[in-house]
Amino acid sequence: MSVTLTVDKITSSLKRIQRKLDALPQEAYKEFKSVTPIKTGNARNKTRLRKDTIEANYPYAQVLDKGRHMTSRGMRGSEQAPKGMTKPTEAFIKKRINQILKAK
């Protein structure tokens, strides 16, 4: 019994994987925005995707991204995003990469 694997099949699979990985920044951006708290809409409106970098460009971005936490001044962060935005987005990216690599 022999096994034959053609380079064309490998190349085709790699191209498919690369297309999906190339779309990942846009998918991650959508996920990041979806977990960004919305009160006035400013945080979501000021979040941008620049190449493969998500930029949250507003003064309280770090507070929101830390998630809900206690400080010496009391509770900080948003109840809508208790884990912030980066951690859930990182989990989404890891899960999505696993899906892409396991797809046939």
PDB file of N, CA and C in Angstrom:
ATOM      1  N   MET A   1       0.848  -1.174   0.000  1.00  0.00           N
ATOM      2  CA  MET A   1       0.000   0.000   0.000  1.00  0.00           C
ATOM      3  C   MET A   1       0.889   1.230   0.000  1.00  0.00           C
ATOM      4  N   SER A   2       0.537   2.198  -0.809  1.00  0.00           N
ATOM      5  CA  SER A   2       1.319   3.430  -0.856  1.00  0.00           C
ATOM      6  C   SER A   2       0.399   4.630  -0.634  1.00  0.00           C
ATOM      7  N   VAL A   3       1.006   5.685  -0.197  1.00  0.00           N
ATOM      8  CA  VAL A   3       0.283   6.932   0.026  1.00  0.00           C
ATOM      9  C   VAL A   3       0.869   7.970  -0.913  1.00  0.00           C
ATOM     10  N   THR A   4       0.002   8.653  -1.595  1.00  0.00           N
ATOM     11  CA  THR A   4       0.454   9.685  -2.503  1.00  0.00           C
ATOM     12  C   THR A   4      -0.096  11.030  -2.046  1.00  0.00           C
ATOM     13  N   LEU A   5       0.790  11.973  -1.911  1.00  0.00           N
ATOM     14  CA  LEU A   5       0.401  13.320  -1.530  1.00  0.00           C
ATOM     15  C   LEU A   5       1.008  14.268  -2.540  1.00  0.00           C
ATOM     16  N   THR A   6       0.188  15.030  -3.165  1.00  0.00           N
ATOM     17  CA  THR A   6       0.717  15.936  -4.176  1.00  0.00           C
ATOM     18  C   THR A   6       0.987  17.306  -3.571  1.00  0.00           C
ATOM     19  N   VAL A   7       1.961  17.960  -4.126  1.00  0.00           N
ATOM     20  CA  VAL A   7       2.316  19.302  -3.686  1.00  0.00           C
ATOM     21  C   VAL A   7       1.145  20.256  -3.920  1.00  0.00           C
ATOM     22  N   ASP A   8       0.365  20.004  -4.968  1.00  0.00           N
ATOM     23  CA  ASP A   8      -0.784  20.860  -5.257  1.00  0.00           C
ATOM     24  C   ASP A   8      -1.781  20.857  -4.104  1.00  0.00           C
ATOM     25  N   LYS A   9      -2.018  19.699  -3.504  1.00  0.00           N
ATOM     26  CA  LYS A   9      -2.950  19.630  -2.370  1.00  0.00           C
ATOM     27  C   LYS A   9      -2.412  20.405  -1.179  1.00  0.00           C
ATOM     28  N   ILE A  10      -1.125  20.274  -0.925  1.00  0.00           N
ATOM     29  CA  ILE A  10      -0.511  20.999   0.189  1.00  0.00           C
ATOM     30  C   ILE A  10      -0.583  22.498  -0.070  1.00  0.00           C
ATOM     31  N   THR A  11      -0.215  22.906  -1.264  1.00  0.00           N
ATOM     32  CA  THR A  11      -0.246  24.323  -1.622  1.00  0.00           C
ATOM     33  C   THR A  11      -1.654  24.887  -1.510  1.00  0.00           C
ATOM     34  N   SER A  12      -2.623  24.149  -1.983  1.00  0.00           N
ATOM     35  CA  SER A  12      -4.013  24.578  -1.910  1.00  0.00           C
ATOM     36  C   SER A  12      -4.467  24.737  -0.459  1.00  0.00           C
ATOM     37  N   SER A  13      -4.100  23.779   0.378  1.00  0.00           N
ATOM     38  CA  SER A  13      -4.458  23.847   1.795  1.00  0.00           C
ATOM     39  C   SER A  13      -3.786  25.028   2.480  1.00  0.00           C
ATOM     40  N   LEU A  14      -2.521  25.244   2.173  1.00  0.00           N
ATOM     41  CA  LEU A  14      -1.808  26.366   2.781  1.00  0.00           C
ATOM     42  C   LEU A  14      -2.398  27.706   2.348  1.00  0.00           C
ATOM     43  N   LYS A  15      -2.784  27.806   1.101  1.00  0.00           N
ATOM     44  CA  LYS A  15      -3.403  29.048   0.614  1.00  0.00           C
ATOM     45  C   LYS A  15      -4.738  29.300   1.313  1.00  0.00           C
ATOM     46  N   ARG A  16      -5.515  28.248   1.504  1.00  0.00           N
ATOM     47  CA  ARG A  16      -6.803  28.370   2.191  1.00  0.00           C
ATOM     48  C   ARG A  16      -6.583  28.835   3.622  1.00  0.00           C
ATOM     49  N   ILE A  17      -5.616  28.211   4.302  1.00  0.00           N
ATOM     50  CA  ILE A  17      -5.305  28.594   5.679  1.00  0.00           C
ATOM     51  C   ILE A  17      -4.834  30.050   5.725  1.00  0.00           C
ATOM     52  N   GLN A  18      -3.975  30.438   4.797  1.00  0.00           N
ATOM     53  CA  GLN A  18      -3.452  31.807   4.777  1.00  0.00           C
ATOM     54  C   GLN A  18      -4.563  32.828   4.554  1.00  0.00           C
ATOM     55  N   ARG A  19      -5.512  32.538   3.670  1.00  0.00           N
ATOM     56  CA  ARG A  19      -6.643  33.457   3.448  1.00  0.00           C
ATOM     57  C   ARG A  19      -7.435  33.659   4.737  1.00  0.00           C
ATOM     58  N   LYS A  20      -7.670  32.571   5.453  1.00  0.00           N
ATOM     59  CA  LYS A  20      -8.425  32.666   6.704  1.00  0.00           C
ATOM     60  C   LYS A  20      -7.630  33.418   7.770  1.00  0.00           C
ATOM     61  N   LEU A  21      -6.325  33.185   7.837  1.00  0.00           N
ATOM     62  CA  LEU A  21      -5.499  33.901   8.804  1.00  0.00           C
ATOM     63  C   LEU A  21      -5.408  35.386   8.452  1.00  0.00           C
ATOM     64  N   ASP A  22      -5.393  35.694   7.155  1.00  0.00           N
ATOM     65  CA  ASP A  22      -5.364  37.093   6.734  1.00  0.00           C
ATOM     66  C   ASP A  22      -6.631  37.837   7.153  1.00  0.00           C
ATOM     67  N   ALA A  23      -7.737  37.121   7.262  1.00  0.00           N
ATOM     68  CA  ALA A  23      -9.004  37.733   7.676  1.00  0.00           C
ATOM     69  C   ALA A  23      -9.117  37.858   9.192  1.00  0.00           C
ATOM     70  N   LEU A  24      -8.212  37.250   9.919  1.00  0.00           N
ATOM     71  CA  LEU A  24      -8.304  37.212  11.378  1.00  0.00           C
ATOM     72  C   LEU A  24      -8.256  38.586  12.055  1.00  0.00           C
ATOM     73  N   PRO A  25      -7.409  39.519  11.625  1.00  0.00           N
ATOM     74  CA  PRO A  25      -7.439  40.828  12.281  1.00  0.00           C
ATOM     75  C   PRO A  25      -8.818  41.503  12.220  1.00  0.00           C
ATOM     76  N   GLN A  26      -9.487  41.411  11.091  1.00  0.00           N
ATOM     77  CA  GLN A  26     -10.821  41.999  10.961  1.00  0.00           C
ATOM     78  C   GLN A  26     -11.816  41.288  11.883  1.00  0.00           C
ATOM     79  N   GLU A  27     -11.718  39.972  11.966  1.00  0.00           N
ATOM     80  CA  GLU A  27     -12.597  39.210  12.858  1.00  0.00           C
ATOM     81  C   GLU A  27     -12.329  39.581  14.326  1.00  0.00           C
ATOM     82  N   ALA A  28     -11.055  39.709  14.677  1.00  0.00           N
ATOM     83  CA  ALA A  28     -10.688  40.066  16.052  1.00  0.00           C
ATOM     84  C   ALA A  28     -11.175  41.473  16.384  1.00  0.00           C
ATOM     85  N   TYR A  29     -11.069  42.372  15.427  1.00  0.00           N
ATOM     86  CA  TYR A  29     -11.555  43.743  15.604  1.00  0.00           C
ATOM     87  C   TYR A  29     -13.054  43.751  15.889  1.00  0.00           C
ATOM     88  N   LYS A  30     -13.802  42.977  15.133  1.00  0.00           N
ATOM     89  CA  LYS A  30     -15.246  42.895  15.358  1.00  0.00           C
ATOM     90  C   LYS A  30     -15.542  42.328  16.747  1.00  0.00           C
ATOM     91  N   GLU A  31     -14.778  41.332  17.157  1.00  0.00           N
ATOM     92  CA  GLU A  31     -14.964  40.737  18.491  1.00  0.00           C
ATOM     93  C   GLU A  31     -14.646  41.765  19.575  1.00  0.00           C
ATOM     94  N   PHE A  32     -13.529  42.468  19.422  1.00  0.00           N
ATOM     95  CA  PHE A  32     -13.115  43.479  20.397  1.00  0.00           C
ATOM     96  C   PHE A  32     -14.204  44.533  20.564  1.00  0.00           C
ATOM     97  N   LYS A  33     -14.721  45.016  19.438  1.00  0.00           N
ATOM     98  CA  LYS A  33     -15.778  46.024  19.508  1.00  0.00           C
ATOM     99  C   LYS A  33     -17.052  45.464  20.136  1.00  0.00           C
ATOM    100  N   SER A  34     -17.340  44.199  19.874  1.00  0.00           N
ATOM    101  CA  SER A  34     -18.574  43.613  20.408  1.00  0.00           C
ATOM    102  C   SER A  34     -18.521  43.463  21.933  1.00  0.00           C
ATOM    103  N   VAL A  35     -17.321  43.317  22.500  1.00  0.00           N
ATOM    104  CA  VAL A  35     -17.203  43.192  23.953  1.00  0.00           C
ATOM    105  C   VAL A  35     -16.872  44.526  24.623  1.00  0.00           C
ATOM    106  N   THR A  36     -16.701  45.579  23.807  1.00  0.00           N
ATOM    107  CA  THR A  36     -16.471  46.913  24.357  1.00  0.00           C
ATOM    108  C   THR A  36     -17.777  47.430  24.939  1.00  0.00           C
ATOM    109  N   PRO A  37     -17.740  47.895  26.186  1.00  0.00           N
ATOM    110  CA  PRO A  37     -18.975  48.394  26.800  1.00  0.00           C
ATOM    111  C   PRO A  37     -19.564  49.560  26.012  1.00  0.00           C
ATOM    112  N   ILE A  38     -20.865  49.657  26.052  1.00  0.00           N
ATOM    113  CA  ILE A  38     -21.523  50.754  25.362  1.00  0.00           C
ATOM    114  C   ILE A  38     -22.419  51.494  26.349  1.00  0.00           C
ATOM    115  N   LYS A  39     -22.075  52.740  26.568  1.00  0.00           N
ATOM    116  CA  LYS A  39     -22.911  53.611  27.387  1.00  0.00           C
ATOM    117  C   LYS A  39     -23.334  54.779  26.508  1.00  0.00           C
ATOM    118  N   THR A  40     -22.323  55.500  26.009  1.00  0.00           N
ATOM    119  CA  THR A  40     -22.616  56.605  25.090  1.00  0.00           C
ATOM    120  C   THR A  40     -22.264  56.231  23.654  1.00  0.00           C
ATOM    121  N   GLY A  41     -21.499  55.149  23.490  1.00  0.00           N
ATOM    122  CA  GLY A  41     -21.053  54.746  22.160  1.00  0.00           C
ATOM    123  C   GLY A  41     -19.674  55.263  21.813  1.00  0.00           C
ATOM    124  N   ASN A  42     -19.119  56.132  22.655  1.00  0.00           N
ATOM    125  CA  ASN A  42     -17.816  56.730  22.376  1.00  0.00           C
ATOM    126  C   ASN A  42     -16.708  55.682  22.263  1.00  0.00           C
ATOM    127  N   ALA A  43     -16.668  54.733  23.198  1.00  0.00           N
ATOM    128  CA  ALA A  43     -15.599  53.729  23.191  1.00  0.00           C
ATOM    129  C   ALA A  43     -15.623  52.922  21.895  1.00  0.00           C
ATOM    130  N   ARG A  44     -16.779  52.467  21.493  1.00  0.00           N
ATOM    131  CA  ARG A  44     -16.862  51.690  20.253  1.00  0.00           C
ATOM    132  C   ARG A  44     -16.547  52.563  19.038  1.00  0.00           C
ATOM    133  N   ASN A  45     -17.012  53.800  19.057  1.00  0.00           N
ATOM    134  CA  ASN A  45     -16.758  54.696  17.920  1.00  0.00           C
ATOM    135  C   ASN A  45     -15.293  55.071  17.784  1.00  0.00           C
ATOM    136  N   LYS A  46     -14.568  55.097  18.882  1.00  0.00           N
ATOM    137  CA  LYS A  46     -13.153  55.493  18.863  1.00  0.00           C
ATOM    138  C   LYS A  46     -12.211  54.293  18.720  1.00  0.00           C
ATOM    139  N   THR A  47     -12.744  53.111  18.548  1.00  0.00           N
ATOM    140  CA  THR A  47     -11.924  51.919  18.358  1.00  0.00           C
ATOM    141  C   THR A  47     -11.728  51.689  16.868  1.00  0.00           C
ATOM    142  N   ARG A  48     -10.471  51.534  16.465  1.00  0.00           N
ATOM    143  CA  ARG A  48     -10.132  51.401  15.048  1.00  0.00           C
ATOM    144  C   ARG A  48      -9.206  50.206  14.824  1.00  0.00           C
ATOM    145  N   LEU A  49      -9.235  49.716  13.595  1.00  0.00           N
ATOM    146  CA  LEU A  49      -8.285  48.694  13.157  1.00  0.00           C
ATOM    147  C   LEU A  49      -7.320  49.356  12.194  1.00  0.00           C
ATOM    148  N   ARG A  50      -6.049  49.354  12.544  1.00  0.00           N
ATOM    149  CA  ARG A  50      -5.006  49.912  11.674  1.00  0.00           C
ATOM    150  C   ARG A  50      -4.059  48.771  11.327  1.00  0.00           C
ATOM    151  N   LYS A  51      -4.141  48.337  10.069  1.00  0.00           N
ATOM    152  CA  LYS A  51      -3.420  47.154   9.588  1.00  0.00           C
ATOM    153  C   LYS A  51      -3.835  45.951  10.423  1.00  0.00           C
ATOM    154  N   ASP A  52      -2.987  45.487  11.319  1.00  0.00           N
ATOM    155  CA  ASP A  52      -3.355  44.341  12.157  1.00  0.00           C
ATOM    156  C   ASP A  52      -3.364  44.707  13.642  1.00  0.00           C
ATOM    157  N   THR A  53      -3.532  46.003  13.922  1.00  0.00           N
ATOM    158  CA  THR A  53      -3.530  46.490  15.302  1.00  0.00           C
ATOM    159  C   THR A  53      -4.869  47.133  15.643  1.00  0.00           C
ATOM    160  N   ILE A  54      -5.436  46.717  16.755  1.00  0.00           N
ATOM    161  CA  ILE A  54      -6.670  47.328  17.246  1.00  0.00           C
ATOM    162  C   ILE A  54      -6.275  48.460  18.171  1.00  0.00           C
ATOM    163  N   GLU A  55      -6.785  49.654  17.879  1.00  0.00           N
ATOM    164  CA  GLU A  55      -6.485  50.830  18.684  1.00  0.00           C
ATOM    165  C   GLU A  55      -7.744  51.330  19.359  1.00  0.00           C
ATOM    166  N   ALA A  56      -7.711  51.372  20.669  1.00  0.00           N
ATOM    167  CA  ALA A  56      -8.794  51.946  21.461  1.00  0.00           C
ATOM    168  C   ALA A  56      -8.304  53.327  21.885  1.00  0.00           C
ATOM    169  N   ASN A  57      -8.718  54.337  21.145  1.00  0.00           N
ATOM    170  CA  ASN A  57      -8.156  55.671  21.302  1.00  0.00           C
ATOM    171  C   ASN A  57      -9.126  56.598  22.030  1.00  0.00           C
ATOM    172  N   TYR A  58      -9.215  56.419  23.340  1.00  0.00           N
ATOM    173  CA  TYR A  58     -10.016  57.288  24.183  1.00  0.00           C
ATOM    174  C   TYR A  58      -9.397  57.251  25.579  1.00  0.00           C
ATOM    175  N   PRO A  59      -9.575  58.305  26.368  1.00  0.00           N
ATOM    176  CA  PRO A  59      -8.833  58.432  27.632  1.00  0.00           C
ATOM    177  C   PRO A  59      -9.050  57.309  28.640  1.00  0.00           C
ATOM    178  N   TYR A  60     -10.182  56.678  28.639  1.00  0.00           N
ATOM    179  CA  TYR A  60     -10.477  55.671  29.667  1.00  0.00           C
ATOM    180  C   TYR A  60     -10.367  54.239  29.132  1.00  0.00           C
ATOM    181  N   ALA A  61      -9.681  54.068  28.022  1.00  0.00           N
ATOM    182  CA  ALA A  61      -9.538  52.734  27.411  1.00  0.00           C
ATOM    183  C   ALA A  61      -8.860  51.749  28.368  1.00  0.00           C
ATOM    184  N   GLN A  62      -7.809  52.179  29.043  1.00  0.00           N
ATOM    185  CA  GLN A  62      -7.095  51.272  29.945  1.00  0.00           C
ATOM    186  C   GLN A  62      -7.967  50.848  31.124  1.00  0.00           C
ATOM    187  N   VAL A  63      -8.772  51.768  31.613  1.00  0.00           N
ATOM    188  CA  VAL A  63      -9.665  51.435  32.734  1.00  0.00           C
ATOM    189  C   VAL A  63     -10.662  50.366  32.289  1.00  0.00           C
ATOM    190  N   LEU A  64     -11.270  50.555  31.121  1.00  0.00           N
ATOM    191  CA  LEU A  64     -12.231  49.567  30.623  1.00  0.00           C
ATOM    192  C   LEU A  64     -11.550  48.231  30.348  1.00  0.00           C
ATOM    193  N   ASP A  65     -10.328  48.290  29.796  1.00  0.00           N
ATOM    194  CA  ASP A  65      -9.648  47.052  29.418  1.00  0.00           C
ATOM    195  C   ASP A  65      -9.174  46.248  30.621  1.00  0.00           C
ATOM    196  N   LYS A  66      -8.989  46.887  31.754  1.00  0.00           N
ATOM    197  CA  LYS A  66      -8.617  46.141  32.975  1.00  0.00           C
ATOM    198  C   LYS A  66      -9.777  45.298  33.471  1.00  0.00           C
ATOM    199  N   GLY A  67     -10.966  45.618  33.015  1.00  0.00           N
ATOM    200  CA  GLY A  67     -12.138  44.890  33.491  1.00  0.00           C
ATOM    201  C   GLY A  67     -12.624  45.487  34.795  1.00  0.00           C
ATOM    202  N   ARG A  68     -13.570  44.833  35.381  1.00  0.00           N
ATOM    203  CA  ARG A  68     -14.148  45.305  36.641  1.00  0.00           C
ATOM    204  C   ARG A  68     -13.168  44.975  37.749  1.00  0.00           C
ATOM    205  N   HIS A  69     -12.737  45.986  38.483  1.00  0.00           N
ATOM    206  CA  HIS A  69     -11.741  45.755  39.530  1.00  0.00           C
ATOM    207  C   HIS A  69     -11.870  46.792  40.643  1.00  0.00           C
ATOM    208  N   MET A  70     -11.382  46.417  41.796  1.00  0.00           N
ATOM    209  CA  MET A  70     -11.430  47.281  42.972  1.00  0.00           C
ATOM    210  C   MET A  70     -10.160  48.125  43.021  1.00  0.00           C
ATOM    211  N   THR A  71     -10.331  49.388  43.322  1.00  0.00           N
ATOM    212  CA  THR A  71      -9.197  50.282  43.542  1.00  0.00           C
ATOM    213  C   THR A  71      -9.384  50.927  44.912  1.00  0.00           C
ATOM    214  N   SER A  72      -8.428  51.740  45.303  1.00  0.00           N
ATOM    215  CA  SER A  72      -8.543  52.441  46.586  1.00  0.00           C
ATOM    216  C   SER A  72      -9.709  53.433  46.559  1.00  0.00           C
ATOM    217  N   ARG A  73     -10.157  53.781  45.353  1.00  0.00           N
ATOM    218  CA  ARG A  73     -11.293  54.706  45.205  1.00  0.00           C
ATOM    219  C   ARG A  73     -12.605  53.975  44.956  1.00  0.00           C
ATOM    220  N   GLY A  74     -12.595  52.665  45.083  1.00  0.00           N
ATOM    221  CA  GLY A  74     -13.812  51.888  44.859  1.00  0.00           C
ATOM    222  C   GLY A  74     -13.739  51.087  43.568  1.00  0.00           C
ATOM    223  N   MET A  75     -14.877  50.567  43.140  1.00  0.00           N
ATOM    224  CA  MET A  75     -14.928  49.745  41.921  1.00  0.00           C
ATOM    225  C   MET A  75     -14.691  50.611  40.696  1.00  0.00           C
ATOM    226  N   ARG A  76     -13.923  50.066  39.771  1.00  0.00           N
ATOM    227  CA  ARG A  76     -13.635  50.750  38.509  1.00  0.00           C
ATOM    228  C   ARG A  76     -13.956  49.810  37.369  1.00  0.00           C
ATOM    229  N   GLY A  77     -14.042  50.344  36.179  1.00  0.00           N
ATOM    230  CA  GLY A  77     -14.313  49.534  35.009  1.00  0.00           C
ATOM    231  C   GLY A  77     -15.805  49.387  34.778  1.00  0.00           C
ATOM    232  N   SER A  78     -16.130  48.614  33.793  1.00  0.00           N
ATOM    233  CA  SER A  78     -17.521  48.475  33.381  1.00  0.00           C
ATOM    234  C   SER A  78     -18.084  47.113  33.770  1.00  0.00           C
ATOM    235  N   GLU A  79     -19.301  47.133  34.247  1.00  0.00           N
ATOM    236  CA  GLU A  79     -19.989  45.863  34.515  1.00  0.00           C
ATOM    237  C   GLU A  79     -20.273  45.124  33.211  1.00  0.00           C
ATOM    238  N   GLN A  80     -20.377  45.861  32.109  1.00  0.00           N
ATOM    239  CA  GLN A  80     -20.651  45.245  30.809  1.00  0.00           C
ATOM    240  C   GLN A  80     -19.453  44.452  30.291  1.00  0.00           C
ATOM    241  N   ALA A  81     -18.263  44.809  30.723  1.00  0.00           N
ATOM    242  CA  ALA A  81     -17.047  44.108  30.278  1.00  0.00           C
ATOM    243  C   ALA A  81     -16.201  43.755  31.502  1.00  0.00           C
ATOM    244  N   PRO A  82     -16.672  42.820  32.327  1.00  0.00           N
ATOM    245  CA  PRO A  82     -15.955  42.507  33.563  1.00  0.00           C
ATOM    246  C   PRO A  82     -14.549  41.954  33.343  1.00  0.00           C
ATOM    247  N   LYS A  83     -14.288  41.417  32.153  1.00  0.00           N
ATOM    248  CA  LYS A  83     -12.951  40.897  31.844  1.00  0.00           C
ATOM    249  C   LYS A  83     -12.183  41.831  30.909  1.00  0.00           C
ATOM    250  N   GLY A  84     -12.730  43.022  30.679  1.00  0.00           N
ATOM    251  CA  GLY A  84     -12.103  43.943  29.747  1.00  0.00           C
ATOM    252  C   GLY A  84     -12.398  43.532  28.313  1.00  0.00           C
ATOM    253  N   MET A  85     -11.574  43.990  27.393  1.00  0.00           N
ATOM    254  CA  MET A  85     -11.772  43.661  25.982  1.00  0.00           C
ATOM    255  C   MET A  85     -10.642  42.793  25.413  1.00  0.00           C
ATOM    256  N   THR A  86      -9.429  43.020  25.885  1.00  0.00           N
ATOM    257  CA  THR A  86      -8.280  42.299  25.343  1.00  0.00           C
ATOM    258  C   THR A  86      -8.330  40.809  25.665  1.00  0.00           C
ATOM    259  N   LYS A  87      -8.594  40.452  26.912  1.00  0.00           N
ATOM    260  CA  LYS A  87      -8.605  39.024  27.283  1.00  0.00           C
ATOM    261  C   LYS A  87      -9.653  38.228  26.500  1.00  0.00           C
ATOM    262  N   PRO A  88     -10.898  38.701  26.412  1.00  0.00           N
ATOM    263  CA  PRO A  88     -11.875  37.955  25.606  1.00  0.00           C
ATOM    264  C   PRO A  88     -11.493  37.893  24.125  1.00  0.00           C
ATOM    265  N   THR A  89     -10.874  38.970  23.619  1.00  0.00           N
ATOM    266  CA  THR A  89     -10.466  38.975  22.212  1.00  0.00           C
ATOM    267  C   THR A  89      -9.323  38.001  21.980  1.00  0.00           C
ATOM    268  N   GLU A  90      -8.384  37.928  22.912  1.00  0.00           N
ATOM    269  CA  GLU A  90      -7.293  36.955  22.797  1.00  0.00           C
ATOM    270  C   GLU A  90      -7.839  35.530  22.814  1.00  0.00           C
ATOM    271  N   ALA A  91      -8.801  35.270  23.673  1.00  0.00           N
ATOM    272  CA  ALA A  91      -9.416  33.935  23.725  1.00  0.00           C
ATOM    273  C   ALA A  91     -10.110  33.624  22.404  1.00  0.00           C
ATOM    274  N   PHE A  92     -10.787  34.608  21.832  1.00  0.00           N
ATOM    275  CA  PHE A  92     -11.442  34.438  20.531  1.00  0.00           C
ATOM    276  C   PHE A  92     -10.411  34.096  19.455  1.00  0.00           C
ATOM    277  N   ILE A  93      -9.290  34.819  19.445  1.00  0.00           N
ATOM    278  CA  ILE A  93      -8.249  34.597  18.433  1.00  0.00           C
ATOM    279  C   ILE A  93      -7.686  33.178  18.554  1.00  0.00           C
ATOM    280  N   LYS A  94      -7.384  32.747  19.763  1.00  0.00           N
ATOM    281  CA  LYS A  94      -6.852  31.391  19.963  1.00  0.00           C
ATOM    282  C   LYS A  94      -7.839  30.335  19.471  1.00  0.00           C
ATOM    283  N   LYS A  95      -9.095  30.516  19.824  1.00  0.00           N
ATOM    284  CA  LYS A  95     -10.129  29.567  19.396  1.00  0.00           C
ATOM    285  C   LYS A  95     -10.255  29.563  17.874  1.00  0.00           C
ATOM    286  N   ARG A  96     -10.226  30.751  17.284  1.00  0.00           N
ATOM    287  CA  ARG A  96     -10.376  30.861  15.824  1.00  0.00           C
ATOM    288  C   ARG A  96      -9.186  30.229  15.098  1.00  0.00           C
ATOM    289  N   ILE A  97      -7.987  30.433  15.603  1.00  0.00           N
ATOM    290  CA  ILE A  97      -6.800  29.823  14.984  1.00  0.00           C
ATOM    291  C   ILE A  97      -6.907  28.300  15.042  1.00  0.00           C
ATOM    292  N   ASN A  98      -7.340  27.767  16.171  1.00  0.00           N
ATOM    293  CA  ASN A  98      -7.522  26.322  16.280  1.00  0.00           C
ATOM    294  C   ASN A  98      -8.544  25.829  15.259  1.00  0.00           C
ATOM    295  N   GLN A  99      -9.637  26.564  15.093  1.00  0.00           N
ATOM    296  CA  GLN A  99     -10.642  26.188  14.097  1.00  0.00           C
ATOM    297  C   GLN A  99     -10.054  26.190  12.696  1.00  0.00           C
ATOM    298  N   ILE A 100      -9.283  27.216  12.384  1.00  0.00           N
ATOM    299  CA  ILE A 100      -8.695  27.331  11.047  1.00  0.00           C
ATOM    300  C   ILE A 100      -7.730  26.187  10.783  1.00  0.00           C
ATOM    301  N   LEU A 101      -6.880  25.885  11.752  1.00  0.00           N
ATOM    302  CA  LEU A 101      -5.874  24.855  11.546  1.00  0.00           C
ATOM    303  C   LEU A 101      -6.447  23.448  11.549  1.00  0.00           C
ATOM    304  N   LYS A 102      -7.575  23.247  12.218  1.00  0.00           N
ATOM    305  CA  LYS A 102      -8.190  21.924  12.256  1.00  0.00           C
ATOM    306  C   LYS A 102      -9.135  21.677  11.082  1.00  0.00           C
ATOM    307  N   ALA A 103      -9.529  22.745  10.385  1.00  0.00           N
ATOM    308  CA  ALA A 103     -10.455  22.582   9.254  1.00  0.00           C
ATOM    309  C   ALA A 103      -9.807  21.769   8.154  1.00  0.00           C
ATOM    310  N   LYS A 104     -10.648  21.015   7.476  1.00  0.00           N
ATOM    311  CA  LYS A 104     -10.116  20.181   6.394  1.00  0.00           C
ATOM    312  C   LYS A 104     -10.471  20.754   5.060  1.00  0.00           C
TER     313      LYS A 104
END
